Amino acid sequence: MRRTLIATALLIVAGPSLAATAFVSNEKDNNLSLIDMDTLQVTQTLPVGMRPRGLLLSHDGKLLYICASDSDRVQVMDVATHTIIKELPSGKDPEQFALHPNNRWLYVSNEDDSLVTVIDTETSKVLAQVDVGVEPEGMAVSPDGKWAVNTSETTNMLHWIDTRTQTLADNTLVDQRPRFVEFNKDGSQLWSSAEIGGTVSVIDVASRKILKTLKFEIKGVHPDKVQPVGIKLSDDGKYAFVALGPANHVAVIDARTLEVVDYLLVGRRVWQLSFTPDQKQLLATNGVSGDVSVIDVASLKVLKSIKVGRYPWGVVVAP
């Protein structure tokens, strides 16, 4: 009897396990779709600012940052209550952003102004504005916090911002229309997609030089439709996944050999990617078909497509 009571007490204390929740920004609907990752069903739709695109979780998972591009604001949502608790002065047309390891400095690309705006998320103050190339979009911060890197779509460059001084330190020329950048887990490499060039550049961070340029060939797909955008690298260093836009596939790359090993058919105009917290699944937003594809990482199989709103753009998964 005593053992039964102890077991019951432990269950009460532990409580029910909570499923991870995916947040998907629907660019044309001005809202977010919430997906329960246990049932793989949309459970809620939340109104947000105009033309939501980039999404980002704070490092503690408590806050969701939302690029409301046409509202010229970064909105901050409490993940637990799903309420907008404040708005940050992001500059014009924020599209993508990255958070410093200190969980405080937010680096925002301002596409219309050729700027990166640096915001202190605790004080809601702008710390700096850094001049970069024309049409800045992609943003990433290195794991050690030393570098913030921005892509400029028209200038075809990566801009290396020294976070100690919040000033531009270097530039790396890449292929046409770079859209996204992602550091690997140890910060030794930076991966950058080039939408019009149809390539991904793998860059050595220490030298800021290109190690290899990856190209993609999909049987039955015209090369002009291969337009790389979102990138995700697994923490174990095994895989890199690249969303190939209107090619409607996600490329799977062996991150050690830098060779393409597979192409996974998903929805129409695949745009951005996000792992679940355990990295067992990968989500892909498909803008034109208005759905999210769920990929099993171990088997490299597409498990399901989940209908969301119009033109899903960004996606993150909260524990």
Protein backbone atom coordinates (compact mmCIF):
# COMPACT_ATOMS: atom_id res chain seq x y z
CA MET A 1 0.00 0.00 0.00
CA ARG A 2 2.78 2.39 0.95
CA ARG A 3 4.56 1.75 -2.40
CA THR A 4 1.32 2.50 -4.27
CA LEU A 5 0.90 5.80 -2.44
CA ILE A 6 4.51 6.81 -3.18
CA ALA A 7 4.12 5.94 -6.86
CA THR A 8 0.87 7.93 -7.06
CA ALA A 9 2.51 10.92 -5.36
CA LEU A 10 5.39 10.84 -7.80
CA LEU A 11 3.00 10.83 -10.76
CA ILE A 12 1.14 13.82 -9.31
CA VAL A 13 4.38 15.76 -8.79
CA ALA A 14 5.70 14.89 -12.24
CA GLY A 15 2.40 15.72 -13.93
CA PRO A 16 1.56 14.89 -17.53
CA SER A 17 4.29 15.17 -20.15
CA LEU A 18 3.81 18.19 -22.38
CA ALA A 19 4.26 17.87 -26.11
CA ALA A 20 6.56 20.19 -27.98
CA THR A 21 4.77 22.94 -29.92
CA ALA A 22 5.71 24.19 -33.36
CA PHE A 23 5.06 27.84 -34.15
CA VAL A 24 4.60 28.63 -37.86
CA SER A 25 4.37 32.18 -39.25
CA ASN A 26 1.76 32.58 -42.01
CA GLU A 27 2.98 35.49 -44.11
CA LYS A 28 -0.34 36.25 -45.88
CA ASP A 29 -2.65 35.70 -42.89
CA ASN A 30 -0.86 37.80 -40.24
CA ASN A 31 -0.99 34.94 -37.77
CA LEU A 32 0.80 31.94 -36.31
CA SER A 33 -0.31 28.32 -36.54
CA LEU A 34 0.51 26.19 -33.47
CA ILE A 35 1.14 22.47 -34.06
CA ASP A 36 1.09 19.85 -31.30
CA MET A 37 4.11 17.66 -32.09
CA ASP A 38 2.56 14.57 -30.46
CA THR A 39 -0.61 14.59 -32.56
CA LEU A 40 0.85 16.53 -35.52
CA GLN A 41 -2.31 18.63 -35.60
CA VAL A 42 -2.86 22.40 -35.61
CA THR A 43 -4.29 23.27 -32.21
CA GLN A 44 -4.47 27.04 -32.30
CA THR A 45 -4.13 30.11 -34.53
CA LEU A 46 -2.79 33.34 -33.00
CA PRO A 47 -3.08 36.81 -34.57
CA VAL A 48 0.20 38.77 -34.72
CA GLY A 49 1.62 41.74 -36.62
CA MET A 50 1.56 42.29 -40.35
CA ARG A 51 3.46 39.88 -42.62
CA PRO A 52 5.15 37.71 -39.98
CA ARG A 53 8.27 35.99 -41.28
CA GLY A 54 11.31 35.22 -39.10
CA LEU A 55 10.70 33.38 -35.81
CA LEU A 56 13.22 32.84 -33.03
CA LEU A 57 13.11 31.39 -29.50
CA SER A 58 15.05 32.85 -26.60
CA HIS A 59 17.78 30.51 -25.38
CA ASP A 60 15.73 29.57 -22.32
CA GLY A 61 12.69 28.84 -24.50
CA LYS A 62 10.46 31.28 -22.61
CA LEU A 63 10.08 33.95 -25.30
CA LEU A 64 9.23 33.84 -28.99
CA TYR A 65 10.51 36.69 -31.16
CA ILE A 66 8.46 37.45 -34.29
CA CYS A 67 9.55 39.58 -37.26
CA ALA A 68 6.35 41.47 -38.13
CA SER A 69 7.88 42.82 -41.33
CA ASP A 70 5.12 45.17 -42.53
CA SER A 71 4.54 46.45 -38.99
CA ASP A 72 8.24 47.40 -38.74
CA ARG A 73 8.40 45.71 -35.36
CA VAL A 74 9.79 42.66 -33.61
CA GLN A 75 7.07 41.31 -31.37
CA VAL A 76 7.84 39.34 -28.22
CA MET A 77 5.45 36.55 -27.21
CA ASP A 78 5.35 34.76 -23.88
CA VAL A 79 5.53 31.08 -24.91
CA ALA A 80 3.60 29.88 -21.86
CA THR A 81 0.62 32.22 -22.25
CA HIS A 82 0.77 32.89 -26.02
CA THR A 83 0.42 36.62 -25.41
CA ILE A 84 2.43 39.47 -26.95
CA ILE A 85 4.16 41.12 -24.01
CA LYS A 86 6.07 43.87 -25.84
CA GLU A 87 7.35 45.15 -29.18
CA LEU A 88 10.95 46.03 -30.01
CA PRO A 89 12.13 48.92 -32.24
CA SER A 90 13.50 46.76 -35.02
CA GLY A 91 13.98 49.29 -37.80
CA LYS A 92 12.22 49.03 -41.17
CA ASP A 93 11.11 45.73 -42.68
CA PRO A 94 12.67 43.21 -40.29
CA GLU A 95 12.84 39.78 -41.94
CA GLN A 96 15.39 37.62 -40.14
CA PHE A 97 17.28 37.94 -36.89
CA ALA A 98 19.64 36.12 -34.54
CA LEU A 99 20.13 36.17 -30.78
CA HIS A 100 23.51 36.48 -29.09
CA PRO A 101 24.47 33.71 -26.60
CA ASN A 102 23.99 36.26 -23.81
CA ASN A 103 20.22 35.88 -24.52
CA ARG A 104 19.98 39.65 -24.70
CA TRP A 105 21.39 41.18 -27.91
CA LEU A 106 19.17 40.71 -30.94
CA TYR A 107 20.64 41.29 -34.42
CA VAL A 108 17.95 42.23 -36.97
CA SER A 109 18.33 42.62 -40.73
CA ASN A 110 16.53 45.67 -42.16
CA GLU A 111 16.03 44.86 -45.83
CA ASP A 112 14.88 48.29 -47.00
CA ASP A 113 17.60 50.29 -45.24
CA SER A 114 20.76 48.18 -45.80
CA LEU A 115 21.24 48.00 -42.04
CA VAL A 116 21.60 45.54 -39.21
CA THR A 117 19.92 46.85 -36.06
CA VAL A 118 21.23 45.61 -32.70
CA ILE A 119 18.63 45.66 -29.91
CA ASP A 120 18.99 45.09 -26.18
CA THR A 121 15.93 42.91 -25.58
CA GLU A 122 15.87 43.65 -21.83
CA THR A 123 15.82 47.45 -22.13
CA SER A 124 14.18 47.57 -25.60
CA LYS A 125 16.87 50.02 -26.65
CA VAL A 126 18.77 50.11 -29.94
CA LEU A 127 22.46 49.54 -29.21
CA ALA A 128 23.77 50.10 -32.73
CA GLN A 129 22.93 50.18 -36.42
CA VAL A 130 25.54 48.70 -38.74
CA ASP A 131 25.74 49.58 -42.44
CA VAL A 132 25.85 46.46 -44.61
CA GLY A 133 25.13 45.59 -48.25
CA VAL A 134 21.98 46.03 -50.29
CA GLU A 135 18.91 44.02 -49.20
CA PRO A 136 20.24 42.38 -46.03
CA GLU A 137 18.35 39.27 -44.99
CA GLY A 138 20.02 36.27 -43.32
CA MET A 139 21.43 36.60 -39.79
CA ALA A 140 23.42 34.28 -37.54
CA VAL A 141 25.51 34.68 -34.39
CA SER A 142 28.46 32.36 -33.71
CA PRO A 143 28.20 29.98 -30.73
CA ASP A 144 31.01 31.85 -28.95
CA GLY A 145 29.22 35.16 -29.51
CA LYS A 146 32.18 36.73 -31.32
CA TRP A 147 30.58 37.16 -34.76
CA ALA A 148 27.20 38.26 -36.08
CA VAL A 149 26.96 37.52 -39.80
CA ASN A 150 24.51 39.09 -42.22
CA THR A 151 23.78 38.25 -45.86
CA SER A 152 23.06 40.96 -48.43
CA GLU A 153 20.98 39.65 -51.32
CA THR A 154 21.97 42.22 -53.95
CA THR A 155 25.60 42.76 -52.90
CA ASN A 156 26.15 38.97 -52.76
CA MET A 157 28.20 39.20 -49.60
CA LEU A 158 28.40 37.95 -46.05
CA HIS A 159 29.10 40.77 -43.61
CA TRP A 160 31.04 39.89 -40.44
CA ILE A 161 30.10 42.11 -37.49
CA ASP A 162 32.41 42.13 -34.46
CA THR A 163 29.98 41.89 -31.54
CA ARG A 164 32.48 43.42 -29.10
CA THR A 165 32.40 46.74 -30.96
CA GLN A 166 29.18 46.27 -33.01
CA THR A 167 31.10 47.30 -36.14
CA LEU A 168 31.68 45.71 -39.54
CA ALA A 169 35.00 43.82 -39.58
CA ASP A 170 35.08 41.86 -42.85
CA ASN A 171 33.13 40.71 -45.92
CA THR A 172 33.05 37.42 -47.83
CA LEU A 173 31.88 37.32 -51.46
CA VAL A 174 29.50 34.42 -52.15
CA ASP A 175 27.14 33.33 -54.92
CA GLN A 176 24.09 35.28 -56.13
CA ARG A 177 21.38 36.29 -53.66
CA PRO A 178 22.49 34.81 -50.33
CA ARG A 179 19.41 34.24 -48.18
CA PHE A 180 20.36 32.36 -45.04
CA VAL A 181 23.35 31.59 -42.81
CA GLU A 182 23.86 28.96 -40.11
CA PHE A 183 26.87 28.16 -37.90
CA ASN A 184 27.65 24.55 -37.05
CA LYS A 185 27.60 23.45 -33.41
CA ASP A 186 31.26 24.19 -32.59
CA GLY A 187 31.35 27.41 -34.60
CA SER A 188 34.13 26.30 -36.94
CA GLN A 189 31.98 26.51 -40.09
CA LEU A 190 29.36 28.85 -41.48
CA TRP A 191 26.94 27.62 -44.14
CA SER A 192 25.33 30.13 -46.51
CA SER A 193 22.63 29.53 -49.13
CA ALA A 194 22.52 31.42 -52.44
CA GLU A 195 19.01 31.44 -53.91
CA ILE A 196 19.75 32.58 -57.49
CA GLY A 197 23.20 30.99 -57.60
CA GLY A 198 21.58 27.68 -56.66
CA THR A 199 24.44 26.83 -54.29
CA VAL A 200 25.47 26.57 -50.65
CA SER A 201 28.87 27.87 -49.53
CA VAL A 202 30.63 26.21 -46.59
CA ILE A 203 32.96 28.75 -45.00
CA ASP A 204 35.86 28.32 -42.59
CA VAL A 205 35.16 30.77 -39.78
CA ALA A 206 38.80 31.20 -38.71
CA SER A 207 39.90 32.40 -42.16
CA ARG A 208 36.46 33.53 -43.39
CA LYS A 209 37.24 31.74 -46.68
CA ILE A 210 35.03 29.37 -48.66
CA LEU A 211 35.93 25.70 -48.12
CA LYS A 212 33.50 24.29 -50.64
CA THR A 213 30.57 25.33 -52.82
CA LEU A 214 27.80 22.74 -52.98
CA LYS A 215 25.60 22.35 -56.05
CA PHE A 216 22.34 20.44 -56.41
CA GLU A 217 20.91 18.31 -59.22
CA ILE A 218 17.47 16.74 -58.89
CA LYS A 219 16.21 14.37 -61.56
CA GLY A 220 13.23 15.87 -63.38
CA VAL A 221 13.67 19.34 -61.84
CA HIS A 222 14.92 22.24 -63.97
CA PRO A 223 18.10 23.82 -62.53
CA ASP A 224 16.43 27.25 -62.41
CA LYS A 225 13.99 25.92 -59.82
CA VAL A 226 16.78 24.87 -57.45
CA GLN A 227 16.85 27.89 -55.15
CA PRO A 228 18.42 27.14 -51.73
CA VAL A 229 17.07 29.10 -48.77
CA GLY A 230 16.80 27.69 -45.23
CA ILE A 231 19.57 25.53 -43.71
CA LYS A 232 19.68 23.39 -40.57
CA LEU A 233 22.74 21.53 -39.25
CA SER A 234 22.34 18.65 -36.79
CA ASP A 235 24.17 19.04 -33.48
CA ASP A 236 25.90 15.67 -33.92
CA GLY A 237 27.65 16.95 -37.05
CA LYS A 238 26.11 14.23 -39.22
CA TYR A 239 23.69 16.07 -41.50
CA ALA A 240 22.98 19.39 -43.10
CA PHE A 241 19.50 19.98 -44.52
CA VAL A 242 18.83 22.63 -47.17
CA ALA A 243 15.39 23.86 -48.31
CA LEU A 244 15.49 24.18 -52.11
CA GLY A 245 12.57 26.56 -52.68
CA PRO A 246 10.49 25.93 -55.84
CA ALA A 247 12.40 22.69 -56.46
CA ASN A 248 10.04 21.34 -53.75
CA HIS A 249 12.77 19.23 -52.15
CA VAL A 250 14.97 19.31 -49.05
CA ALA A 251 18.57 18.32 -49.78
CA VAL A 252 20.32 16.04 -47.28
CA ILE A 253 24.09 16.58 -47.05
CA ASP A 254 26.69 14.54 -45.23
CA ALA A 255 28.16 17.34 -43.10
CA ARG A 256 31.47 15.50 -42.73
CA THR A 257 32.18 14.72 -46.40
CA LEU A 258 30.22 17.73 -47.75
CA GLU A 259 28.46 15.51 -50.28
CA VAL A 260 24.73 15.43 -51.10
CA VAL A 261 23.28 12.06 -50.06
CA ASP A 262 19.55 12.45 -50.74
CA TYR A 263 16.68 14.70 -51.81
CA LEU A 264 13.36 14.59 -49.95
CA LEU A 265 10.17 15.60 -51.77
CA VAL A 266 8.10 18.01 -49.67
CA GLY A 267 5.49 20.71 -50.46
CA ARG A 268 5.59 23.56 -52.94
CA ARG A 269 8.24 26.28 -52.44
CA VAL A 270 9.92 24.93 -49.33
CA TRP A 271 11.33 27.86 -47.41
CA GLN A 272 12.53 27.41 -43.82
CA LEU A 273 13.43 24.49 -41.54
CA SER A 274 13.44 23.72 -37.82
CA PHE A 275 14.35 20.72 -35.69
CA THR A 276 12.29 19.47 -32.79
CA PRO A 277 14.22 19.85 -29.48
CA ASP A 278 15.46 16.24 -29.62
CA GLN A 279 16.37 16.65 -33.32
CA LYS A 280 14.49 13.46 -34.20
CA GLN A 281 12.21 15.37 -36.56
CA LEU A 282 12.67 18.28 -38.95
CA LEU A 283 9.87 20.61 -40.03
CA ALA A 284 9.80 22.36 -43.41
CA THR A 285 7.50 25.26 -44.32
CA ASN A 286 6.03 25.09 -47.82
CA GLY A 287 4.82 28.54 -48.84
CA VAL A 288 2.81 27.91 -51.99
CA SER A 289 1.11 24.69 -50.84
CA GLY A 290 0.38 26.22 -47.42
CA ASP A 291 1.57 23.30 -45.36
CA VAL A 292 4.39 22.01 -43.17
CA SER A 293 6.24 18.77 -43.93
CA VAL A 294 7.42 16.57 -41.03
CA ILE A 295 10.65 14.69 -41.75
CA ASP A 296 11.96 11.77 -39.68
CA VAL A 297 15.70 12.41 -39.34
CA ALA A 298 16.77 8.82 -38.63
CA SER A 299 15.07 7.32 -41.70
CA LEU A 300 15.20 10.46 -43.87
CA LYS A 301 11.52 9.99 -44.72
CA VAL A 302 8.71 12.52 -44.95
CA LEU A 303 6.10 11.42 -42.41
CA LYS A 304 3.26 13.85 -42.96
CA SER A 305 2.15 17.21 -44.34
CA ILE A 306 0.16 19.48 -42.03
CA LYS A 307 -2.08 22.18 -43.50
CA VAL A 308 -1.52 25.62 -41.94
CA GLY A 309 -2.24 29.17 -43.15
CA ARG A 310 -1.40 31.05 -46.32
CA TYR A 311 2.29 31.23 -47.23
CA PRO A 312 3.92 29.70 -44.16
CA TRP A 313 7.39 31.26 -43.82
CA GLY A 314 9.17 30.69 -40.51
CA VAL A 315 9.02 27.81 -38.03
CA VAL A 316 10.44 27.07 -34.57
CA VAL A 317 9.65 24.29 -32.10
CA ALA A 318 9.36 25.05 -28.39
CA PRO A 319 9.85 22.26 -25.80
